[in-house]
Amino acid sequence: MTDNKTLAVDPKLLEILVCPLTKGPLIFDRENNELVSKSAGLAFPIRNGIPIMLMDEAREIDETQG
């Protein structure tokens, strides 16, 4: 049985995706299954292997972490 939360995102897709707010790069956070935009301070969820790049779905992150 496969856990949908752990499905991989296509690496080629990760190369072309950018933050919808800043158009800056995204970092794949494997632990939280999110794409992180440090410039915007937002993390976008990945569900069933699909990045959800909607502002309404993003969560704010603490820029002082890490």
C-alpha atoms as a PDB file:
ATOM      1  CA  MET A   1       0.000   0.000   0.000  1.00  0.00           C
ATOM      2  CA  THR A   2       1.410   3.378  -1.017  1.00  0.00           C
ATOM      3  CA  ASP A   3       1.098   6.427   1.201  1.00  0.00           C
ATOM      4  CA  ASN A   4      -0.041   9.299  -1.042  1.00  0.00           C
ATOM      5  CA  LYS A   5       1.892  11.769   1.086  1.00  0.00           C
ATOM      6  CA  THR A   6       5.195  10.187   0.102  1.00  0.00           C
ATOM      7  CA  LEU A   7       4.732  10.099  -3.667  1.00  0.00           C
ATOM      8  CA  ALA A   8       7.683  11.684  -5.404  1.00  0.00           C
ATOM      9  CA  VAL A   9       7.416  14.810  -7.510  1.00  0.00           C
ATOM     10  CA  ASP A  10       8.946  14.634 -10.981  1.00  0.00           C
ATOM     11  CA  PRO A  11      12.431  16.208 -10.690  1.00  0.00           C
ATOM     12  CA  LYS A  12      11.991  17.905 -14.084  1.00  0.00           C
ATOM     13  CA  LEU A  13       8.837  19.574 -12.787  1.00  0.00           C
ATOM     14  CA  LEU A  14      10.721  20.822  -9.737  1.00  0.00           C
ATOM     15  CA  GLU A  15      13.319  22.401 -12.039  1.00  0.00           C
ATOM     16  CA  ILE A  16      10.762  24.575 -13.845  1.00  0.00           C
ATOM     17  CA  LEU A  17       8.409  25.506 -11.005  1.00  0.00           C
ATOM     18  CA  VAL A  18       8.818  28.935  -9.425  1.00  0.00           C
ATOM     19  CA  CYS A  19       7.055  30.767  -6.622  1.00  0.00           C
ATOM     20  CA  PRO A  20       3.786  32.213  -7.968  1.00  0.00           C
ATOM     21  CA  LEU A  21       4.295  35.354  -5.868  1.00  0.00           C
ATOM     22  CA  THR A  22       7.974  36.219  -6.356  1.00  0.00           C
ATOM     23  CA  LYS A  23       8.802  34.084  -9.415  1.00  0.00           C
ATOM     24  CA  GLY A  24      11.833  32.992  -7.383  1.00  0.00           C
ATOM     25  CA  PRO A  25      13.214  29.486  -6.867  1.00  0.00           C
ATOM     26  CA  LEU A  26      11.560  26.828  -4.744  1.00  0.00           C
ATOM     27  CA  ILE A  27      13.262  24.353  -2.431  1.00  0.00           C
ATOM     28  CA  PHE A  28      11.846  20.853  -2.010  1.00  0.00           C
ATOM     29  CA  ASP A  29      11.309  20.073   1.675  1.00  0.00           C
ATOM     30  CA  ARG A  30      11.085  16.284   1.669  1.00  0.00           C
ATOM     31  CA  GLU A  31      10.363  16.053   5.413  1.00  0.00           C
ATOM     32  CA  ASN A  32       7.239  18.247   5.181  1.00  0.00           C
ATOM     33  CA  ASN A  33       6.405  17.339   1.572  1.00  0.00           C
ATOM     34  CA  GLU A  34       6.332  20.991   0.526  1.00  0.00           C
ATOM     35  CA  LEU A  35       7.920  23.401  -1.911  1.00  0.00           C
ATOM     36  CA  VAL A  36       9.384  26.331   0.003  1.00  0.00           C
ATOM     37  CA  SER A  37       9.818  29.861  -1.285  1.00  0.00           C
ATOM     38  CA  LYS A  38      12.256  31.511   1.115  1.00  0.00           C
ATOM     39  CA  SER A  39      11.863  34.883  -0.631  1.00  0.00           C
ATOM     40  CA  ALA A  40       8.096  34.860  -0.075  1.00  0.00           C
ATOM     41  CA  GLY A  41       8.197  33.074   3.278  1.00  0.00           C
ATOM     42  CA  LEU A  42       5.688  30.510   2.023  1.00  0.00           C
ATOM     43  CA  ALA A  43       5.489  26.734   1.766  1.00  0.00           C
ATOM     44  CA  PHE A  44       3.288  25.115  -0.876  1.00  0.00           C
ATOM     45  CA  PRO A  45       1.936  21.611  -0.163  1.00  0.00           C
ATOM     46  CA  ILE A  46       2.435  18.601  -2.405  1.00  0.00           C
ATOM     47  CA  ARG A  47      -0.565  16.276  -2.547  1.00  0.00           C
ATOM     48  CA  ASN A  48      -0.559  12.947  -4.359  1.00  0.00           C
ATOM     49  CA  GLY A  49       2.699  13.972  -6.032  1.00  0.00           C
ATOM     50  CA  ILE A  50       1.208  17.241  -7.336  1.00  0.00           C
ATOM     51  CA  PRO A  51       2.469  20.620  -6.110  1.00  0.00           C
ATOM     52  CA  ILE A  52      -0.442  22.866  -5.104  1.00  0.00           C
ATOM     53  CA  MET A  53       0.815  26.304  -6.187  1.00  0.00           C
ATOM     54  CA  LEU A  54      -2.154  28.328  -4.944  1.00  0.00           C
ATOM     55  CA  MET A  55      -1.660  31.228  -2.548  1.00  0.00           C
ATOM     56  CA  ASP A  56      -4.743  30.120  -0.586  1.00  0.00           C
ATOM     57  CA  GLU A  57      -3.124  26.711   0.036  1.00  0.00           C
ATOM     58  CA  ALA A  58       0.313  28.009   1.060  1.00  0.00           C
ATOM     59  CA  ARG A  59       1.342  28.316   4.676  1.00  0.00           C
ATOM     60  CA  GLU A  60       3.550  31.037   6.078  1.00  0.00           C
ATOM     61  CA  ILE A  61       6.947  29.918   7.298  1.00  0.00           C
ATOM     62  CA  ASP A  62       9.238  31.389   9.912  1.00  0.00           C
ATOM     63  CA  GLU A  63      12.172  32.803   7.940  1.00  0.00           C
ATOM     64  CA  THR A  64      14.418  32.629  11.005  1.00  0.00           C
ATOM     65  CA  GLN A  65      14.343  28.811  10.992  1.00  0.00           C
ATOM     66  CA  GLY A  66      17.221  26.850   9.475  1.00  0.00           C
END
